[in-house]
Amino acid sequence: MTHYFDQKQNSEHAYRAFEAAWEGTLFRFTSDSGVFSRRQVDDGTHLLVSTVLSCEADAPIQVLDLGTGIGVMAIALAGLRPSFRVLGSDINERAVSLARRNASLNGVRNASFLECDGVPVDGACEGEPVEGSAGKGARYDLIILNPPIRAGKETVYRLFREAREHLNDGGRFYIVIRVRQGAASAAKELAGSFDIVETINRGKGYHVIRACVPKSGG
């Protein structure tokens, strides 16, 4: 049996289509077995996208959707913030393939996707180059994450640390997490690495937490 956080998926294909809307724009997605939230956009993802859109204006920044799954968050942000340059990364090769398909389905051209376990740091994972990457020690202005809770706390906290290491000065890291799945402990863990950590939105049992790196001289 495989999980959505495994690289290879051996379950039989069971394609499914669903829709979601933000800021009055409808997005369409194709999903499959062996990926996260395959039947619909889950409440946490919807809340995180809505929150980031309310906080982040369109600007030419480098964005990473860490653990992108089928690309829902990356595609929504890229579609609604056309100046963003968005990279979605995920360990699940089936999910990454679907994310690329979904970007094309929605006519989104400023998002690309990469199979990678964690934050891409050398402009590539598994030897695959990323067009326009920042190269070795790649950094991002904005990183978003719906943590893979079922992968375990060790994996989730590793992703937190990697995000901090690869944010530019003034960078922001947004996560969404259920209260009952450790929102308080996640905030405490982030506070050990980030200068500013705050819960900025709540809904349906989820918290959206933003952790910030101060600007140089700030």
C-alpha atoms as a PDB file:
ATOM      1  CA  MET A   1       0.000   0.000   0.000  1.00  0.00           C
ATOM      2  CA  THR A   2       1.337   3.437  -0.899  1.00  0.00           C
ATOM      3  CA  HIS A   3       0.576   6.861   0.549  1.00  0.00           C
ATOM      4  CA  TYR A   4       0.329  10.279  -1.086  1.00  0.00           C
ATOM      5  CA  PHE A   5       3.762  11.143   0.331  1.00  0.00           C
ATOM      6  CA  ASP A   6       5.447   8.167  -1.382  1.00  0.00           C
ATOM      7  CA  GLN A   7       7.380   8.710  -4.599  1.00  0.00           C
ATOM      8  CA  LYS A   8       5.977   5.774  -6.544  1.00  0.00           C
ATOM      9  CA  GLN A   9       2.266   4.943  -6.698  1.00  0.00           C
ATOM     10  CA  ASN A  10       1.033   1.432  -7.490  1.00  0.00           C
ATOM     11  CA  SER A  11      -2.718   1.930  -7.095  1.00  0.00           C
ATOM     12  CA  GLU A  12      -4.901   1.618 -10.168  1.00  0.00           C
ATOM     13  CA  HIS A  13      -5.774   4.885 -11.839  1.00  0.00           C
ATOM     14  CA  ALA A  14      -9.136   6.395 -10.928  1.00  0.00           C
ATOM     15  CA  TYR A  15      -9.277   9.811 -12.544  1.00  0.00           C
ATOM     16  CA  ARG A  16     -11.637  12.416 -11.168  1.00  0.00           C
ATOM     17  CA  ALA A  17     -12.424  16.036 -12.061  1.00  0.00           C
ATOM     18  CA  PHE A  18     -13.410  18.839  -9.699  1.00  0.00           C
ATOM     19  CA  GLU A  19     -13.483  22.632  -9.540  1.00  0.00           C
ATOM     20  CA  ALA A  20     -12.633  25.376  -7.070  1.00  0.00           C
ATOM     21  CA  ALA A  21     -12.868  29.153  -7.191  1.00  0.00           C
ATOM     22  CA  TRP A  22     -10.942  32.045  -5.665  1.00  0.00           C
ATOM     23  CA  GLU A  23     -11.428  35.737  -6.308  1.00  0.00           C
ATOM     24  CA  GLY A  24     -14.257  34.951  -8.698  1.00  0.00           C
ATOM     25  CA  THR A  25     -12.098  32.769 -10.947  1.00  0.00           C
ATOM     26  CA  LEU A  26     -12.970  29.121 -11.489  1.00  0.00           C
ATOM     27  CA  PHE A  27     -10.181  26.560 -11.717  1.00  0.00           C
ATOM     28  CA  ARG A  28     -10.551  22.986 -12.955  1.00  0.00           C
ATOM     29  CA  PHE A  29      -8.455  20.072 -11.783  1.00  0.00           C
ATOM     30  CA  THR A  30      -7.951  16.444 -12.715  1.00  0.00           C
ATOM     31  CA  SER A  31      -7.088  14.116  -9.847  1.00  0.00           C
ATOM     32  CA  ASP A  32      -6.331  10.417  -9.472  1.00  0.00           C
ATOM     33  CA  SER A  33      -5.806   7.723  -6.891  1.00  0.00           C
ATOM     34  CA  GLY A  34      -2.639   7.926  -4.832  1.00  0.00           C
ATOM     35  CA  VAL A  35      -2.631  11.698  -4.389  1.00  0.00           C
ATOM     36  CA  PHE A  36      -3.646  14.025  -1.566  1.00  0.00           C
ATOM     37  CA  SER A  37      -7.341  14.980  -1.311  1.00  0.00           C
ATOM     38  CA  ARG A  38      -8.185  13.369  -4.622  1.00  0.00           C
ATOM     39  CA  ARG A  39     -11.952  14.054  -4.533  1.00  0.00           C
ATOM     40  CA  GLN A  40     -12.000  17.816  -3.963  1.00  0.00           C
ATOM     41  CA  VAL A  41      -9.987  20.759  -2.726  1.00  0.00           C
ATOM     42  CA  ASP A  42      -9.724  20.180   1.003  1.00  0.00           C
ATOM     43  CA  ASP A  43     -10.772  22.895   3.446  1.00  0.00           C
ATOM     44  CA  GLY A  44      -7.223  23.577   4.637  1.00  0.00           C
ATOM     45  CA  THR A  45      -5.902  24.126   1.123  1.00  0.00           C
ATOM     46  CA  HIS A  46      -8.811  26.408   0.256  1.00  0.00           C
ATOM     47  CA  LEU A  47      -8.254  28.472   3.395  1.00  0.00           C
ATOM     48  CA  LEU A  48      -4.508  28.742   2.798  1.00  0.00           C
ATOM     49  CA  VAL A  49      -4.909  29.921  -0.791  1.00  0.00           C
ATOM     50  CA  SER A  50      -7.555  32.458   0.226  1.00  0.00           C
ATOM     51  CA  THR A  51      -5.338  33.774   3.010  1.00  0.00           C
ATOM     52  CA  VAL A  52      -2.227  34.107   0.871  1.00  0.00           C
ATOM     53  CA  LEU A  53      -4.212  35.919  -1.829  1.00  0.00           C
ATOM     54  CA  SER A  54      -5.551  38.360   0.755  1.00  0.00           C
ATOM     55  CA  CYS A  55      -2.034  39.100   2.023  1.00  0.00           C
ATOM     56  CA  GLU A  56       0.098  39.032  -1.114  1.00  0.00           C
ATOM     57  CA  ALA A  57      -0.299  41.516  -3.962  1.00  0.00           C
ATOM     58  CA  ASP A  58       0.838  40.783  -7.500  1.00  0.00           C
ATOM     59  CA  ALA A  59       4.603  41.307  -7.754  1.00  0.00           C
ATOM     60  CA  PRO A  60       7.545  39.676  -9.539  1.00  0.00           C
ATOM     61  CA  ILE A  61       8.556  37.260  -6.774  1.00  0.00           C
ATOM     62  CA  GLN A  62       9.798  33.674  -6.589  1.00  0.00           C
ATOM     63  CA  VAL A  63       7.196  31.391  -5.001  1.00  0.00           C
ATOM     64  CA  LEU A  64       7.503  27.766  -3.905  1.00  0.00           C
ATOM     65  CA  ASP A  65       4.487  25.542  -3.308  1.00  0.00           C
ATOM     66  CA  LEU A  66       6.185  22.904  -1.171  1.00  0.00           C
ATOM     67  CA  GLY A  67       4.375  19.563  -1.402  1.00  0.00           C
ATOM     68  CA  THR A  68       2.257  20.818  -4.283  1.00  0.00           C
ATOM     69  CA  GLY A  69       0.269  17.616  -4.842  1.00  0.00           C
ATOM     70  CA  ILE A  70      -1.737  18.003  -8.058  1.00  0.00           C
ATOM     71  CA  GLY A  71      -0.826  21.685  -8.168  1.00  0.00           C
ATOM     72  CA  VAL A  72      -3.948  23.304  -6.735  1.00  0.00           C
ATOM     73  CA  MET A  73      -2.255  26.045  -4.719  1.00  0.00           C
ATOM     74  CA  ALA A  74       0.511  26.726  -7.238  1.00  0.00           C
ATOM     75  CA  ILE A  75      -1.955  27.030 -10.104  1.00  0.00           C
ATOM     76  CA  ALA A  76      -4.400  29.243  -8.201  1.00  0.00           C
ATOM     77  CA  LEU A  77      -1.656  31.637  -7.093  1.00  0.00           C
ATOM     78  CA  ALA A  78      -0.001  31.719 -10.514  1.00  0.00           C
ATOM     79  CA  GLY A  79      -3.324  32.257 -12.249  1.00  0.00           C
ATOM     80  CA  LEU A  80      -4.428  35.089  -9.987  1.00  0.00           C
ATOM     81  CA  ARG A  81      -1.017  36.711  -9.494  1.00  0.00           C
ATOM     82  CA  PRO A  82       0.474  36.677 -13.008  1.00  0.00           C
ATOM     83  CA  SER A  83       3.730  38.347 -11.928  1.00  0.00           C
ATOM     84  CA  PHE A  84       4.508  35.481  -9.558  1.00  0.00           C
ATOM     85  CA  ARG A  85       6.980  32.883 -10.782  1.00  0.00           C
ATOM     86  CA  VAL A  86       5.752  29.725  -9.087  1.00  0.00           C
ATOM     87  CA  LEU A  87       7.496  26.397  -8.617  1.00  0.00           C
ATOM     88  CA  GLY A  88       5.577  23.439  -7.210  1.00  0.00           C
ATOM     89  CA  SER A  89       7.562  20.517  -5.799  1.00  0.00           C
ATOM     90  CA  ASP A  90       6.391  17.132  -4.576  1.00  0.00           C
ATOM     91  CA  ILE A  91       7.907  13.710  -3.947  1.00  0.00           C
ATOM     92  CA  ASN A  92       4.922  11.973  -5.570  1.00  0.00           C
ATOM     93  CA  GLU A  93       5.658  11.514  -9.276  1.00  0.00           C
ATOM     94  CA  ARG A  94       2.001  10.839 -10.136  1.00  0.00           C
ATOM     95  CA  ALA A  95       0.949  14.064  -8.437  1.00  0.00           C
ATOM     96  CA  VAL A  96       3.607  16.086 -10.251  1.00  0.00           C
ATOM     97  CA  SER A  97       2.480  14.697 -13.594  1.00  0.00           C
ATOM     98  CA  LEU A  98      -1.093  15.717 -12.786  1.00  0.00           C
ATOM     99  CA  ALA A  99       0.049  19.170 -11.650  1.00  0.00           C
ATOM    100  CA  ARG A 100       1.664  19.793 -15.029  1.00  0.00           C
ATOM    101  CA  ARG A 101      -1.506  18.612 -16.728  1.00  0.00           C
ATOM    102  CA  ASN A 102      -3.642  20.871 -14.540  1.00  0.00           C
ATOM    103  CA  ALA A 103      -1.505  23.924 -15.269  1.00  0.00           C
ATOM    104  CA  SER A 104      -2.078  23.349 -18.972  1.00  0.00           C
ATOM    105  CA  LEU A 105      -5.792  22.740 -18.371  1.00  0.00           C
ATOM    106  CA  ASN A 106      -6.105  26.134 -16.692  1.00  0.00           C
ATOM    107  CA  GLY A 107      -3.892  28.003 -19.150  1.00  0.00           C
ATOM    108  CA  VAL A 108      -1.335  28.828 -16.451  1.00  0.00           C
ATOM    109  CA  ARG A 109       2.148  29.417 -17.849  1.00  0.00           C
ATOM    110  CA  ASN A 110       3.992  30.996 -14.910  1.00  0.00           C
ATOM    111  CA  ALA A 111       4.008  27.785 -12.839  1.00  0.00           C
ATOM    112  CA  SER A 112       6.338  24.819 -13.264  1.00  0.00           C
ATOM    113  CA  PHE A 113       6.547  21.555 -11.353  1.00  0.00           C
ATOM    114  CA  LEU A 114       9.358  19.373 -10.115  1.00  0.00           C
ATOM    115  CA  GLU A 115       9.592  15.950  -8.499  1.00  0.00           C
ATOM    116  CA  CYS A 116      11.544  16.581  -5.324  1.00  0.00           C
ATOM    117  CA  ASP A 117      11.583  15.521  -1.677  1.00  0.00           C
ATOM    118  CA  GLY A 118      11.718  18.862   0.069  1.00  0.00           C
ATOM    119  CA  VAL A 119      12.828  22.322  -0.988  1.00  0.00           C
ATOM    120  CA  PRO A 120      14.653  22.405  -4.343  1.00  0.00           C
ATOM    121  CA  VAL A 121      18.019  23.971  -3.512  1.00  0.00           C
ATOM    122  CA  ASP A 122      20.234  23.396  -6.545  1.00  0.00           C
ATOM    123  CA  GLY A 123      17.737  24.310  -9.197  1.00  0.00           C
ATOM    124  CA  ALA A 124      17.019  20.603  -9.675  1.00  0.00           C
ATOM    125  CA  CYS A 125      15.983  17.325  -8.092  1.00  0.00           C
ATOM    126  CA  GLU A 126      16.723  13.930  -9.560  1.00  0.00           C
ATOM    127  CA  GLY A 127      19.048  15.640 -12.037  1.00  0.00           C
ATOM    128  CA  GLU A 128      16.298  17.633 -13.756  1.00  0.00           C
ATOM    129  CA  PRO A 129      17.112  21.303 -14.457  1.00  0.00           C
ATOM    130  CA  VAL A 130      14.622  24.023 -13.600  1.00  0.00           C
ATOM    131  CA  GLU A 131      14.367  26.835 -16.128  1.00  0.00           C
ATOM    132  CA  GLY A 132      15.135  30.200 -14.589  1.00  0.00           C
ATOM    133  CA  SER A 133      16.136  28.750 -11.221  1.00  0.00           C
ATOM    134  CA  ALA A 134      18.400  30.652  -8.896  1.00  0.00           C
ATOM    135  CA  GLY A 135      20.960  27.861  -9.033  1.00  0.00           C
ATOM    136  CA  LYS A 136      22.822  26.397  -6.070  1.00  0.00           C
ATOM    137  CA  GLY A 137      21.362  27.721  -2.860  1.00  0.00           C
ATOM    138  CA  ALA A 138      18.151  28.779  -4.611  1.00  0.00           C
ATOM    139  CA  ARG A 139      16.023  31.125  -2.541  1.00  0.00           C
ATOM    140  CA  TYR A 140      12.389  32.112  -2.538  1.00  0.00           C
ATOM    141  CA  ASP A 141      10.415  35.151  -1.492  1.00  0.00           C
ATOM    142  CA  LEU A 142       7.335  33.150  -0.580  1.00  0.00           C
ATOM    143  CA  ILE A 143       6.903  29.487   0.400  1.00  0.00           C
ATOM    144  CA  ILE A 144       3.554  27.849   1.101  1.00  0.00           C
ATOM    145  CA  LEU A 145       2.912  24.431   2.616  1.00  0.00           C
ATOM    146  CA  ASN A 146      -0.022  22.260   3.564  1.00  0.00           C
ATOM    147  CA  PRO A 147       2.107  19.887   5.658  1.00  0.00           C
ATOM    148  CA  PRO A 148       1.981  16.116   5.005  1.00  0.00           C
ATOM    149  CA  ILE A 149       0.861  15.336   8.556  1.00  0.00           C
ATOM    150  CA  ARG A 150       0.612  11.602   7.916  1.00  0.00           C
ATOM    151  CA  ALA A 151       4.260  11.501   6.925  1.00  0.00           C
ATOM    152  CA  GLY A 152       5.112  12.224  10.559  1.00  0.00           C
ATOM    153  CA  LYS A 153       6.363  15.117  12.638  1.00  0.00           C
ATOM    154  CA  GLU A 154      10.008  14.509  11.760  1.00  0.00           C
ATOM    155  CA  THR A 155       9.274  15.019   8.054  1.00  0.00           C
ATOM    156  CA  VAL A 156       7.037  18.039   8.643  1.00  0.00           C
ATOM    157  CA  TYR A 157       9.574  19.788  10.857  1.00  0.00           C
ATOM    158  CA  ARG A 158      12.352  19.041   8.358  1.00  0.00           C
ATOM    159  CA  LEU A 159      10.316  20.898   5.737  1.00  0.00           C
ATOM    160  CA  PHE A 160       9.930  23.822   8.152  1.00  0.00           C
ATOM    161  CA  ARG A 161      13.717  24.024   8.570  1.00  0.00           C
ATOM    162  CA  GLU A 162      14.361  23.758   4.847  1.00  0.00           C
ATOM    163  CA  ALA A 163      11.882  26.544   4.161  1.00  0.00           C
ATOM    164  CA  ARG A 164      13.655  28.840   6.630  1.00  0.00           C
ATOM    165  CA  GLU A 165      17.043  28.110   5.104  1.00  0.00           C
ATOM    166  CA  HIS A 166      15.907  29.058   1.621  1.00  0.00           C
ATOM    167  CA  LEU A 167      13.842  32.186   2.127  1.00  0.00           C
ATOM    168  CA  ASN A 168      15.153  35.566   1.049  1.00  0.00           C
ATOM    169  CA  ASP A 169      15.366  38.447   3.488  1.00  0.00           C
ATOM    170  CA  GLY A 170      11.816  39.642   3.959  1.00  0.00           C
ATOM    171  CA  GLY A 171      10.519  36.210   2.924  1.00  0.00           C
ATOM    172  CA  ARG A 172       7.252  34.692   4.150  1.00  0.00           C
ATOM    173  CA  PHE A 173       6.379  31.087   4.940  1.00  0.00           C
ATOM    174  CA  TYR A 174       2.675  30.204   5.156  1.00  0.00           C
ATOM    175  CA  ILE A 175       1.339  26.903   6.468  1.00  0.00           C
ATOM    176  CA  VAL A 176      -2.124  25.580   7.246  1.00  0.00           C
ATOM    177  CA  ILE A 177      -2.708  22.978   9.939  1.00  0.00           C
ATOM    178  CA  ARG A 178      -5.608  21.598  11.914  1.00  0.00           C
ATOM    179  CA  VAL A 179      -5.834  22.649  15.542  1.00  0.00           C
ATOM    180  CA  ARG A 180      -6.252  19.013  16.583  1.00  0.00           C
ATOM    181  CA  GLN A 181      -3.270  17.938  14.489  1.00  0.00           C
ATOM    182  CA  GLY A 182      -0.773  20.172  16.226  1.00  0.00           C
ATOM    183  CA  ALA A 183      -1.220  23.815  15.243  1.00  0.00           C
ATOM    184  CA  ALA A 184       0.134  25.004  18.592  1.00  0.00           C
ATOM    185  CA  SER A 185       3.197  22.746  18.495  1.00  0.00           C
ATOM    186  CA  ALA A 186       3.852  23.702  14.854  1.00  0.00           C
ATOM    187  CA  ALA A 187       3.831  27.387  15.777  1.00  0.00           C
ATOM    188  CA  LYS A 188       6.234  26.682  18.624  1.00  0.00           C
ATOM    189  CA  GLU A 189       8.562  24.772  16.305  1.00  0.00           C
ATOM    190  CA  LEU A 190       8.535  27.620  13.775  1.00  0.00           C
ATOM    191  CA  ALA A 191       9.302  30.137  16.515  1.00  0.00           C
ATOM    192  CA  GLY A 192      12.611  28.372  17.051  1.00  0.00           C
ATOM    193  CA  SER A 193      13.737  29.314  13.528  1.00  0.00           C
ATOM    194  CA  PHE A 194      11.780  32.399  12.481  1.00  0.00           C
ATOM    195  CA  ASP A 195      11.809  35.900  13.924  1.00  0.00           C
ATOM    196  CA  ILE A 196       8.070  36.478  13.529  1.00  0.00           C
ATOM    197  CA  VAL A 197       5.412  33.753  13.800  1.00  0.00           C
ATOM    198  CA  GLU A 198       1.716  34.574  13.900  1.00  0.00           C
ATOM    199  CA  THR A 199      -1.646  32.910  13.345  1.00  0.00           C
ATOM    200  CA  ILE A 200      -3.311  35.105  10.743  1.00  0.00           C
ATOM    201  CA  ASN A 201      -6.484  33.191   9.878  1.00  0.00           C
ATOM    202  CA  ARG A 202      -8.754  30.468  11.235  1.00  0.00           C
ATOM    203  CA  GLY A 203     -11.576  28.431   9.807  1.00  0.00           C
ATOM    204  CA  LYS A 204     -13.197  24.979   9.982  1.00  0.00           C
ATOM    205  CA  GLY A 205     -10.747  23.769  12.587  1.00  0.00           C
ATOM    206  CA  TYR A 206      -7.659  25.035  10.729  1.00  0.00           C
ATOM    207  CA  HIS A 207      -5.105  27.709  11.531  1.00  0.00           C
ATOM    208  CA  VAL A 208      -3.057  29.547   8.911  1.00  0.00           C
ATOM    209  CA  ILE A 209       0.325  30.454  10.360  1.00  0.00           C
ATOM    210  CA  ARG A 210       2.738  32.929   8.778  1.00  0.00           C
ATOM    211  CA  ALA A 211       6.427  32.921   9.675  1.00  0.00           C
ATOM    212  CA  CYS A 212       8.562  35.819   8.431  1.00  0.00           C
ATOM    213  CA  VAL A 213      12.231  36.567   7.877  1.00  0.00           C
ATOM    214  CA  PRO A 214      13.074  40.234   8.549  1.00  0.00           C
ATOM    215  CA  LYS A 215      14.436  42.408   5.773  1.00  0.00           C
ATOM    216  CA  SER A 216      18.102  43.280   5.866  1.00  0.00           C
ATOM    217  CA  GLY A 217      18.645  46.126   8.264  1.00  0.00           C
ATOM    218  CA  GLY A 218      15.176  45.596   9.708  1.00  0.00           C
END
